[in-house]
Amino acid sequence: MSLLASDAFMRWPNIRFIFSHAGGTIPFLVNRIIWQATVLGKQGWLDQLHKLYYDIAGRQTPPRLVRY
């Protein structure tokens, strides 16, 4: 959330961020993240989340693999 809120992904587009454990809680909180973006007036958060890399080597559940 702090990387999204600080626009870090837009400021450094050439950095390949890789989030371990299938992105942790990001897949489960994606709806809340998008709602927060709407409240803050931020645009493009979902697009930024789609550009990230997620390690999916561990046990998976459907929310972690579904593209929103």
Protein backbone atom coordinates (compact mmCIF):
# COMPACT_ATOMS: atom_id res chain seq x y z
CA MET A 1 0.00 0.00 0.00
CA SER A 2 2.76 2.45 0.83
CA LEU A 3 4.39 1.89 -2.57
CA LEU A 4 1.08 2.53 -4.31
CA ALA A 5 0.19 5.57 -2.20
CA SER A 6 3.61 7.15 -2.74
CA ASP A 7 3.41 6.55 -6.53
CA ALA A 8 6.68 4.60 -6.34
CA PHE A 9 5.70 2.31 -9.20
CA MET A 10 5.10 5.27 -11.49
CA ARG A 11 8.27 7.11 -10.41
CA TRP A 12 10.48 4.06 -11.03
CA PRO A 13 8.80 2.15 -13.87
CA ASN A 14 11.96 0.21 -14.79
CA ILE A 15 12.29 -1.48 -11.40
CA ARG A 16 10.83 -4.98 -11.41
CA PHE A 17 9.22 -5.43 -8.02
CA ILE A 18 8.73 -9.09 -7.09
CA PHE A 19 6.42 -9.82 -4.18
CA SER A 20 6.92 -13.14 -2.43
CA HIS A 21 4.22 -15.39 -1.05
CA ALA A 22 1.94 -14.59 -4.02
CA GLY A 23 1.85 -10.95 -3.05
CA GLY A 24 0.94 -11.63 0.56
CA THR A 25 -2.42 -10.05 1.27
CA ILE A 26 -2.64 -7.99 -1.94
CA PRO A 27 -4.86 -10.51 -3.79
CA PHE A 28 -7.23 -10.71 -0.83
CA LEU A 29 -7.36 -6.96 -0.29
CA VAL A 30 -7.50 -5.82 -3.92
CA ASN A 31 -11.10 -4.63 -3.60
CA ARG A 32 -10.22 -2.53 -0.56
CA ILE A 33 -7.16 -1.16 -2.33
CA ILE A 34 -9.26 -0.05 -5.31
CA TRP A 35 -11.84 1.50 -2.97
CA GLN A 36 -9.06 3.41 -1.18
CA ALA A 37 -7.76 4.65 -4.53
CA THR A 38 -11.22 6.00 -5.31
CA VAL A 39 -11.43 7.76 -1.94
CA LEU A 40 -7.97 9.31 -2.40
CA GLY A 41 -8.68 10.28 -5.99
CA LYS A 42 -5.82 8.14 -7.31
CA GLN A 43 -6.00 6.70 -10.81
CA GLY A 44 -4.36 3.61 -12.22
CA TRP A 45 -3.71 1.62 -9.05
CA LEU A 46 -5.21 -1.56 -10.48
CA ASP A 47 -3.10 -1.19 -13.62
CA GLN A 48 -0.02 -0.80 -11.45
CA LEU A 49 -0.87 -3.95 -9.49
CA HIS A 50 -1.20 -5.87 -12.76
CA LYS A 51 2.34 -4.88 -13.79
CA LEU A 52 3.94 -6.32 -10.67
CA TYR A 53 5.48 -9.76 -10.35
CA TYR A 54 4.22 -12.23 -7.76
CA ASP A 55 6.02 -15.37 -6.61
CA ILE A 56 3.45 -18.17 -6.85
CA ALA A 57 5.63 -21.14 -5.85
CA GLY A 58 3.69 -21.89 -2.67
CA ARG A 59 0.18 -23.14 -2.02
CA GLN A 60 -2.37 -21.19 -4.03
CA THR A 61 -5.97 -20.22 -3.57
CA PRO A 62 -8.26 -18.88 -6.30
CA PRO A 63 -8.12 -15.20 -5.19
CA ARG A 64 -4.36 -15.22 -5.63
CA LEU A 65 -4.49 -16.30 -9.26
CA VAL A 66 -7.54 -14.39 -10.48
CA ARG A 67 -6.87 -11.22 -12.41
CA TYR A 68 -9.20 -8.45 -11.29
